[in-house]
Amino acid sequence: MFLALGSSAPSFALPSDAARQTVPPAACRDYAAVFGEKYRDAEAFLLQNPWIPGALRLSPAETRIALAVVFPEIIRFSAIEDDIQVRALKVLYVQYGAAYANFSVGRFQMKPSFVESLELDCSKLTSAAERSAAGLPDFAAGDTRELRRDRILRLDDFRWEVTYLRVFMVVMAKRYGGVTFRDAEDRLRFYATAYNAGYAAGANRLRQEIGERRFHTELFLPAKTYNYADVALYFYRRFRLR
């Protein structure tokens, strides 16, 4: 199974204020109100970068899912942003690898270990011909200091983050193409949980994880936690593609 490319370059749009009031919130919770300015900042970031949907090179339906999957992480980035500790961890990762330093980077809060797995699975699950036809990169195999340095440089480049999100969608379609979903929202919740909890866990485990409340916007010891899939679904129901 391989994802269809979008036939055009869709852009991101939000419904009008009146239309927003009619959108049923995920799990009956208004996450725009819960996260307040952080939520609005995340929406504003997408509106200010209308090139993202086209750069994903996915169908409109897949693009909606992909953006919703990472939206909670954009909220979190708006809350904490990269700080000096992350810079130090990047140095440790380059020197010693993910076992010594594994941390969230960038707007989509991707960890080096997550990206390592995506690169490996993309190479294993797709053929060279598929990658060429779909415009996917060829990733070098191995775990050298040079490869880790290059990976960190990619994670520091937001356009590469968008590319990795596209790779995630392709890898998910390959790994879980046989899973039956009730509808697009059910698939979104599954994909969002996979992104947040670890996509290699397997279908049964991911189904069990869907209801967990682990998402927060604090650096340490969060006072409140939320369900990642619910936040993603709430956003999914609010936005459209032009």
C-alpha atoms as a PDB file:
ATOM      1  CA  MET A   1       0.000   0.000   0.000  1.00  0.00           C
ATOM      2  CA  PHE A   2       1.356   3.410  -0.931  1.00  0.00           C
ATOM      3  CA  LEU A   3      -0.090   6.859  -0.359  1.00  0.00           C
ATOM      4  CA  ALA A   4      -1.514   8.781  -3.259  1.00  0.00           C
ATOM      5  CA  LEU A   5       0.047  12.135  -4.017  1.00  0.00           C
ATOM      6  CA  GLY A   6      -2.102  15.216  -3.951  1.00  0.00           C
ATOM      7  CA  SER A   7      -3.154  16.395  -7.402  1.00  0.00           C
ATOM      8  CA  SER A   8      -2.825  20.025  -6.366  1.00  0.00           C
ATOM      9  CA  ALA A   9      -1.183  22.070  -3.642  1.00  0.00           C
ATOM     10  CA  PRO A  10      -3.866  22.621  -0.978  1.00  0.00           C
ATOM     11  CA  SER A  11      -3.482  25.350   1.598  1.00  0.00           C
ATOM     12  CA  PHE A  12      -4.534  25.518   5.226  1.00  0.00           C
ATOM     13  CA  ALA A  13      -7.748  27.240   6.267  1.00  0.00           C
ATOM     14  CA  LEU A  14      -9.818  27.646   9.431  1.00  0.00           C
ATOM     15  CA  PRO A  15     -13.604  27.995   9.561  1.00  0.00           C
ATOM     16  CA  SER A  16     -15.202  31.307  10.457  1.00  0.00           C
ATOM     17  CA  ASP A  17     -15.922  32.103  14.101  1.00  0.00           C
ATOM     18  CA  ALA A  18     -19.597  31.258  13.555  1.00  0.00           C
ATOM     19  CA  ALA A  19     -18.730  27.937  11.948  1.00  0.00           C
ATOM     20  CA  ARG A  20     -16.309  27.072  14.752  1.00  0.00           C
ATOM     21  CA  GLN A  21     -19.117  27.217  17.284  1.00  0.00           C
ATOM     22  CA  THR A  22     -20.922  24.380  15.458  1.00  0.00           C
ATOM     23  CA  VAL A  23     -17.936  22.024  15.410  1.00  0.00           C
ATOM     24  CA  PRO A  24     -18.399  19.239  17.986  1.00  0.00           C
ATOM     25  CA  PRO A  25     -15.276  19.105  20.170  1.00  0.00           C
ATOM     26  CA  ALA A  26     -13.394  15.816  20.566  1.00  0.00           C
ATOM     27  CA  ALA A  27     -14.460  14.038  23.744  1.00  0.00           C
ATOM     28  CA  CYS A  28     -16.778  17.026  24.456  1.00  0.00           C
ATOM     29  CA  ARG A  29     -13.841  19.231  25.435  1.00  0.00           C
ATOM     30  CA  ASP A  30     -12.983  22.634  23.979  1.00  0.00           C
ATOM     31  CA  TYR A  31      -9.235  22.365  23.608  1.00  0.00           C
ATOM     32  CA  ALA A  32      -9.005  25.809  22.026  1.00  0.00           C
ATOM     33  CA  ALA A  33     -10.228  27.164  25.356  1.00  0.00           C
ATOM     34  CA  VAL A  34      -8.109  24.732  27.402  1.00  0.00           C
ATOM     35  CA  PHE A  35      -4.833  25.795  25.761  1.00  0.00           C
ATOM     36  CA  GLY A  36      -5.873  29.373  25.018  1.00  0.00           C
ATOM     37  CA  GLU A  37      -3.103  31.473  23.533  1.00  0.00           C
ATOM     38  CA  LYS A  38      -0.929  28.405  22.936  1.00  0.00           C
ATOM     39  CA  TYR A  39      -3.644  26.939  20.722  1.00  0.00           C
ATOM     40  CA  ARG A  40      -4.115  30.211  18.842  1.00  0.00           C
ATOM     41  CA  ASP A  41      -0.357  30.530  18.323  1.00  0.00           C
ATOM     42  CA  ALA A  42      -0.274  27.025  16.839  1.00  0.00           C
ATOM     43  CA  GLU A  43      -3.131  27.849  14.462  1.00  0.00           C
ATOM     44  CA  ALA A  44      -1.435  31.114  13.517  1.00  0.00           C
ATOM     45  CA  PHE A  45       1.786  29.271  12.718  1.00  0.00           C
ATOM     46  CA  LEU A  46       0.007  27.064  10.184  1.00  0.00           C
ATOM     47  CA  LEU A  47      -1.839  30.021   8.667  1.00  0.00           C
ATOM     48  CA  GLN A  48       1.476  31.856   8.287  1.00  0.00           C
ATOM     49  CA  ASN A  49       2.982  28.857   6.479  1.00  0.00           C
ATOM     50  CA  PRO A  50       0.443  27.955   3.777  1.00  0.00           C
ATOM     51  CA  TRP A  51       3.133  26.054   1.834  1.00  0.00           C
ATOM     52  CA  ILE A  52       3.090  23.152   4.313  1.00  0.00           C
ATOM     53  CA  PRO A  53       0.102  21.218   2.864  1.00  0.00           C
ATOM     54  CA  GLY A  54       1.576  21.338  -0.627  1.00  0.00           C
ATOM     55  CA  ALA A  55       5.026  20.321   0.605  1.00  0.00           C
ATOM     56  CA  LEU A  56       3.548  17.176   2.164  1.00  0.00           C
ATOM     57  CA  ARG A  57       2.612  15.972  -1.338  1.00  0.00           C
ATOM     58  CA  LEU A  58      -0.291  13.931  -0.004  1.00  0.00           C
ATOM     59  CA  SER A  59      -3.936  13.747  -1.011  1.00  0.00           C
ATOM     60  CA  PRO A  60      -6.214  16.283   0.720  1.00  0.00           C
ATOM     61  CA  ALA A  61      -7.612  13.559   3.015  1.00  0.00           C
ATOM     62  CA  GLU A  62      -4.117  12.395   4.020  1.00  0.00           C
ATOM     63  CA  THR A  63      -2.931  15.977   4.440  1.00  0.00           C
ATOM     64  CA  ARG A  64      -5.736  16.710   6.902  1.00  0.00           C
ATOM     65  CA  ILE A  65      -4.743  13.686   8.967  1.00  0.00           C
ATOM     66  CA  ALA A  66      -1.026  14.505   8.849  1.00  0.00           C
ATOM     67  CA  LEU A  67      -1.506  18.087  10.046  1.00  0.00           C
ATOM     68  CA  ALA A  68      -3.863  17.008  12.819  1.00  0.00           C
ATOM     69  CA  VAL A  69      -1.379  14.357  13.975  1.00  0.00           C
ATOM     70  CA  VAL A  70       1.308  16.964  14.684  1.00  0.00           C
ATOM     71  CA  PHE A  71      -0.910  19.844  15.802  1.00  0.00           C
ATOM     72  CA  PRO A  72      -0.681  19.006  19.536  1.00  0.00           C
ATOM     73  CA  GLU A  73       3.117  19.152  19.202  1.00  0.00           C
ATOM     74  CA  ILE A  74       2.885  22.603  17.613  1.00  0.00           C
ATOM     75  CA  ILE A  75       0.887  23.686  20.662  1.00  0.00           C
ATOM     76  CA  ARG A  76       3.589  22.280  22.918  1.00  0.00           C
ATOM     77  CA  PHE A  77       6.406  23.933  20.961  1.00  0.00           C
ATOM     78  CA  SER A  78       4.618  27.276  21.237  1.00  0.00           C
ATOM     79  CA  ALA A  79       4.617  26.752  24.994  1.00  0.00           C
ATOM     80  CA  ILE A  80       8.192  25.638  25.634  1.00  0.00           C
ATOM     81  CA  GLU A  81      10.238  26.277  22.456  1.00  0.00           C
ATOM     82  CA  ASP A  82      13.816  25.096  22.095  1.00  0.00           C
ATOM     83  CA  ASP A  83      16.060  26.228  24.914  1.00  0.00           C
ATOM     84  CA  ILE A  84      19.718  26.024  25.860  1.00  0.00           C
ATOM     85  CA  GLN A  85      19.255  22.538  27.340  1.00  0.00           C
ATOM     86  CA  VAL A  86      18.129  21.223  23.960  1.00  0.00           C
ATOM     87  CA  ARG A  87      21.216  22.706  22.326  1.00  0.00           C
ATOM     88  CA  ALA A  88      23.412  20.825  24.783  1.00  0.00           C
ATOM     89  CA  LEU A  89      21.515  17.592  24.159  1.00  0.00           C
ATOM     90  CA  LYS A  90      22.065  17.965  20.428  1.00  0.00           C
ATOM     91  CA  VAL A  91      25.809  17.954  21.040  1.00  0.00           C
ATOM     92  CA  LEU A  92      25.521  14.833  23.204  1.00  0.00           C
ATOM     93  CA  TYR A  93      23.434  13.068  20.579  1.00  0.00           C
ATOM     94  CA  VAL A  94      25.953  13.757  17.838  1.00  0.00           C
ATOM     95  CA  GLN A  95      28.770  12.485  20.040  1.00  0.00           C
ATOM     96  CA  TYR A  96      27.138   9.419  21.598  1.00  0.00           C
ATOM     97  CA  GLY A  97      23.763   8.672  19.996  1.00  0.00           C
ATOM     98  CA  ALA A  98      20.121   8.432  21.068  1.00  0.00           C
ATOM     99  CA  ALA A  99      20.883   6.133  24.009  1.00  0.00           C
ATOM    100  CA  TYR A 100      22.634   9.070  25.716  1.00  0.00           C
ATOM    101  CA  ALA A 101      20.471  11.942  24.524  1.00  0.00           C
ATOM    102  CA  ASN A 102      16.947  11.571  23.159  1.00  0.00           C
ATOM    103  CA  PHE A 103      14.888  14.739  23.161  1.00  0.00           C
ATOM    104  CA  SER A 104      12.165  16.578  21.252  1.00  0.00           C
ATOM    105  CA  VAL A 105      13.223  19.022  18.544  1.00  0.00           C
ATOM    106  CA  GLY A 106      11.365  21.619  16.501  1.00  0.00           C
ATOM    107  CA  ARG A 107       7.759  22.508  15.800  1.00  0.00           C
ATOM    108  CA  PHE A 108       6.731  18.880  15.394  1.00  0.00           C
ATOM    109  CA  GLN A 109       8.719  17.818  18.502  1.00  0.00           C
ATOM    110  CA  MET A 110      10.469  14.911  16.775  1.00  0.00           C
ATOM    111  CA  LYS A 111      13.062  12.927  18.709  1.00  0.00           C
ATOM    112  CA  PRO A 112      16.286  11.669  17.075  1.00  0.00           C
ATOM    113  CA  SER A 113      15.337   8.054  17.855  1.00  0.00           C
ATOM    114  CA  PHE A 114      11.962   8.581  16.158  1.00  0.00           C
ATOM    115  CA  VAL A 115      13.625   9.966  13.052  1.00  0.00           C
ATOM    116  CA  GLU A 116      16.213   7.179  13.044  1.00  0.00           C
ATOM    117  CA  SER A 117      13.370   4.646  12.988  1.00  0.00           C
ATOM    118  CA  LEU A 118      11.556   6.512  10.224  1.00  0.00           C
ATOM    119  CA  GLU A 119      14.672   6.590   8.062  1.00  0.00           C
ATOM    120  CA  LEU A 120      15.313   2.884   8.592  1.00  0.00           C
ATOM    121  CA  ASP A 121      11.695   1.857   7.957  1.00  0.00           C
ATOM    122  CA  CYS A 122      11.390   4.066   4.915  1.00  0.00           C
ATOM    123  CA  SER A 123      14.398   2.311   3.406  1.00  0.00           C
ATOM    124  CA  LYS A 124      13.135  -1.170   4.393  1.00  0.00           C
ATOM    125  CA  LEU A 125       9.455  -0.803   3.506  1.00  0.00           C
ATOM    126  CA  THR A 126       9.708   1.079   0.220  1.00  0.00           C
ATOM    127  CA  SER A 127      11.633   0.234  -2.908  1.00  0.00           C
ATOM    128  CA  ALA A 128      14.028   2.609  -4.614  1.00  0.00           C
ATOM    129  CA  ALA A 129      11.506   2.946  -7.440  1.00  0.00           C
ATOM    130  CA  GLU A 130       8.703   3.830  -4.989  1.00  0.00           C
ATOM    131  CA  ARG A 131      10.846   6.429  -3.252  1.00  0.00           C
ATOM    132  CA  SER A 132      11.828   7.977  -6.547  1.00  0.00           C
ATOM    133  CA  ALA A 133       8.240   8.118  -7.807  1.00  0.00           C
ATOM    134  CA  ALA A 134       6.994   9.591  -4.530  1.00  0.00           C
ATOM    135  CA  GLY A 135       9.849  12.056  -4.112  1.00  0.00           C
ATOM    136  CA  LEU A 136      11.060  10.451  -0.899  1.00  0.00           C
ATOM    137  CA  PRO A 137      14.718  10.804   0.099  1.00  0.00           C
ATOM    138  CA  ASP A 138      17.199   7.941   0.255  1.00  0.00           C
ATOM    139  CA  PHE A 139      18.655   7.805   3.771  1.00  0.00           C
ATOM    140  CA  ALA A 140      22.140   6.516   4.468  1.00  0.00           C
ATOM    141  CA  ALA A 141      22.306   3.492   6.747  1.00  0.00           C
ATOM    142  CA  GLY A 142      24.503   3.313   9.837  1.00  0.00           C
ATOM    143  CA  ASP A 143      25.092   5.085  13.143  1.00  0.00           C
ATOM    144  CA  THR A 144      28.180   7.238  12.768  1.00  0.00           C
ATOM    145  CA  ARG A 145      28.886  10.624  14.246  1.00  0.00           C
ATOM    146  CA  GLU A 146      28.637  12.162  10.789  1.00  0.00           C
ATOM    147  CA  LEU A 147      25.223  10.622  10.149  1.00  0.00           C
ATOM    148  CA  ARG A 148      23.961  11.802  13.538  1.00  0.00           C
ATOM    149  CA  ARG A 149      25.275  15.293  12.866  1.00  0.00           C
ATOM    150  CA  ASP A 150      23.488  15.368   9.507  1.00  0.00           C
ATOM    151  CA  ARG A 151      20.293  14.133  11.161  1.00  0.00           C
ATOM    152  CA  ILE A 152      20.375  16.933  13.745  1.00  0.00           C
ATOM    153  CA  LEU A 153      20.941  19.471  10.991  1.00  0.00           C
ATOM    154  CA  ARG A 154      17.868  18.108   9.226  1.00  0.00           C
ATOM    155  CA  LEU A 155      15.808  18.291  12.421  1.00  0.00           C
ATOM    156  CA  ASP A 156      16.850  21.931  12.794  1.00  0.00           C
ATOM    157  CA  ASP A 157      15.397  22.638   9.326  1.00  0.00           C
ATOM    158  CA  PHE A 158      11.607  22.935   9.437  1.00  0.00           C
ATOM    159  CA  ARG A 159      11.223  21.923   5.795  1.00  0.00           C
ATOM    160  CA  TRP A 160      12.918  18.664   6.723  1.00  0.00           C
ATOM    161  CA  GLU A 161      10.471  18.232   9.588  1.00  0.00           C
ATOM    162  CA  VAL A 162       7.669  18.432   7.035  1.00  0.00           C
ATOM    163  CA  THR A 163       9.489  15.818   4.946  1.00  0.00           C
ATOM    164  CA  TYR A 164       9.765  13.537   7.978  1.00  0.00           C
ATOM    165  CA  LEU A 165       6.031  13.955   8.587  1.00  0.00           C
ATOM    166  CA  ARG A 166       5.456  12.787   5.036  1.00  0.00           C
ATOM    167  CA  VAL A 167       7.756   9.813   5.663  1.00  0.00           C
ATOM    168  CA  PHE A 168       5.771   9.026   8.813  1.00  0.00           C
ATOM    169  CA  MET A 169       2.533   8.899   6.810  1.00  0.00           C
ATOM    170  CA  VAL A 170       4.125   6.597   4.239  1.00  0.00           C
ATOM    171  CA  VAL A 171       5.607   4.289   6.880  1.00  0.00           C
ATOM    172  CA  MET A 172       2.289   4.101   8.740  1.00  0.00           C
ATOM    173  CA  ALA A 173       0.473   3.165   5.541  1.00  0.00           C
ATOM    174  CA  LYS A 174       3.031   0.436   4.915  1.00  0.00           C
ATOM    175  CA  ARG A 175       3.085  -0.959   8.455  1.00  0.00           C
ATOM    176  CA  TYR A 176      -0.637  -0.724   9.165  1.00  0.00           C
ATOM    177  CA  GLY A 177      -2.172  -0.976   5.724  1.00  0.00           C
ATOM    178  CA  GLY A 178      -4.064  -4.084   6.815  1.00  0.00           C
ATOM    179  CA  VAL A 179      -5.724  -2.457   9.827  1.00  0.00           C
ATOM    180  CA  THR A 180      -9.446  -1.768   9.466  1.00  0.00           C
ATOM    181  CA  PHE A 181     -10.679   1.636  10.610  1.00  0.00           C
ATOM    182  CA  ARG A 182     -14.288   2.677  11.170  1.00  0.00           C
ATOM    183  CA  ASP A 183     -13.759   6.013   9.459  1.00  0.00           C
ATOM    184  CA  ALA A 184     -11.184   8.766   8.918  1.00  0.00           C
ATOM    185  CA  GLU A 185     -11.487   9.962  12.518  1.00  0.00           C
ATOM    186  CA  ASP A 186     -10.740   6.491  13.848  1.00  0.00           C
ATOM    187  CA  ARG A 187      -7.648   6.335  11.642  1.00  0.00           C
ATOM    188  CA  LEU A 188      -6.580   9.785  12.800  1.00  0.00           C
ATOM    189  CA  ARG A 189      -6.782   8.747  16.456  1.00  0.00           C
ATOM    190  CA  PHE A 190      -4.716   5.643  15.670  1.00  0.00           C
ATOM    191  CA  TYR A 191      -2.087   7.630  13.743  1.00  0.00           C
ATOM    192  CA  ALA A 192      -1.928  10.368  16.388  1.00  0.00           C
ATOM    193  CA  THR A 193      -1.393   7.787  19.124  1.00  0.00           C
ATOM    194  CA  ALA A 194       1.307   6.127  17.027  1.00  0.00           C
ATOM    195  CA  TYR A 195       3.089   9.463  16.590  1.00  0.00           C
ATOM    196  CA  ASN A 196       2.903  10.257  20.297  1.00  0.00           C
ATOM    197  CA  ALA A 197       3.461   6.826  21.859  1.00  0.00           C
ATOM    198  CA  GLY A 198       5.724   5.121  19.305  1.00  0.00           C
ATOM    199  CA  TYR A 199       4.487   3.875  15.954  1.00  0.00           C
ATOM    200  CA  ALA A 200       6.372   0.552  16.126  1.00  0.00           C
ATOM    201  CA  ALA A 201       4.334  -0.697  19.106  1.00  0.00           C
ATOM    202  CA  GLY A 202       1.946  -2.737  16.954  1.00  0.00           C
ATOM    203  CA  ALA A 203      -1.755  -2.344  16.220  1.00  0.00           C
ATOM    204  CA  ASN A 204      -3.052  -4.019  19.391  1.00  0.00           C
ATOM    205  CA  ARG A 205      -0.822  -1.986  21.682  1.00  0.00           C
ATOM    206  CA  LEU A 206      -1.629   1.265  19.904  1.00  0.00           C
ATOM    207  CA  ARG A 207      -5.343   0.571  20.260  1.00  0.00           C
ATOM    208  CA  GLN A 208      -4.785   0.162  24.001  1.00  0.00           C
ATOM    209  CA  GLU A 209      -2.800   3.416  24.146  1.00  0.00           C
ATOM    210  CA  ILE A 210      -5.416   5.555  22.382  1.00  0.00           C
ATOM    211  CA  GLY A 211      -7.218   6.449  25.604  1.00  0.00           C
ATOM    212  CA  GLU A 212      -4.114   7.325  27.643  1.00  0.00           C
ATOM    213  CA  ARG A 213      -3.632  10.868  28.961  1.00  0.00           C
ATOM    214  CA  ARG A 214       0.028  11.764  28.550  1.00  0.00           C
ATOM    215  CA  PHE A 215       0.046  15.004  26.587  1.00  0.00           C
ATOM    216  CA  HIS A 216       1.020  18.211  28.370  1.00  0.00           C
ATOM    217  CA  THR A 217       2.704  21.528  27.641  1.00  0.00           C
ATOM    218  CA  GLU A 218       4.988  21.709  30.665  1.00  0.00           C
ATOM    219  CA  LEU A 219       8.721  21.112  30.782  1.00  0.00           C
ATOM    220  CA  PHE A 220       8.608  19.071  33.992  1.00  0.00           C
ATOM    221  CA  LEU A 221       6.053  17.556  36.390  1.00  0.00           C
ATOM    222  CA  PRO A 222       2.855  18.512  34.557  1.00  0.00           C
ATOM    223  CA  ALA A 223      -0.095  19.460  36.742  1.00  0.00           C
ATOM    224  CA  LYS A 224      -2.565  18.345  34.060  1.00  0.00           C
ATOM    225  CA  THR A 225      -2.339  15.835  31.250  1.00  0.00           C
ATOM    226  CA  TYR A 226      -4.570  15.354  28.226  1.00  0.00           C
ATOM    227  CA  ASN A 227      -5.322  12.741  25.628  1.00  0.00           C
ATOM    228  CA  TYR A 228      -3.141  13.359  22.565  1.00  0.00           C
ATOM    229  CA  ALA A 229      -5.568  11.738  20.128  1.00  0.00           C
ATOM    230  CA  ASP A 230      -8.450  13.847  21.441  1.00  0.00           C
ATOM    231  CA  VAL A 231      -6.515  17.082  20.922  1.00  0.00           C
ATOM    232  CA  ALA A 232      -5.604  15.996  17.379  1.00  0.00           C
ATOM    233  CA  LEU A 233      -9.210  15.071  16.628  1.00  0.00           C
ATOM    234  CA  TYR A 234     -10.515  18.354  17.973  1.00  0.00           C
ATOM    235  CA  PHE A 235      -8.239  20.232  15.588  1.00  0.00           C
ATOM    236  CA  TYR A 236      -9.110  17.861  12.710  1.00  0.00           C
ATOM    237  CA  ARG A 237     -12.789  18.744  13.085  1.00  0.00           C
ATOM    238  CA  ARG A 238     -12.075  22.480  13.049  1.00  0.00           C
ATOM    239  CA  PHE A 239      -9.876  23.004  10.016  1.00  0.00           C
ATOM    240  CA  ARG A 240     -10.277  22.543   6.283  1.00  0.00           C
ATOM    241  CA  LEU A 241      -8.103  22.621   3.192  1.00  0.00           C
ATOM    242  CA  ARG A 242      -8.755  25.069   0.400  1.00  0.00           C
END
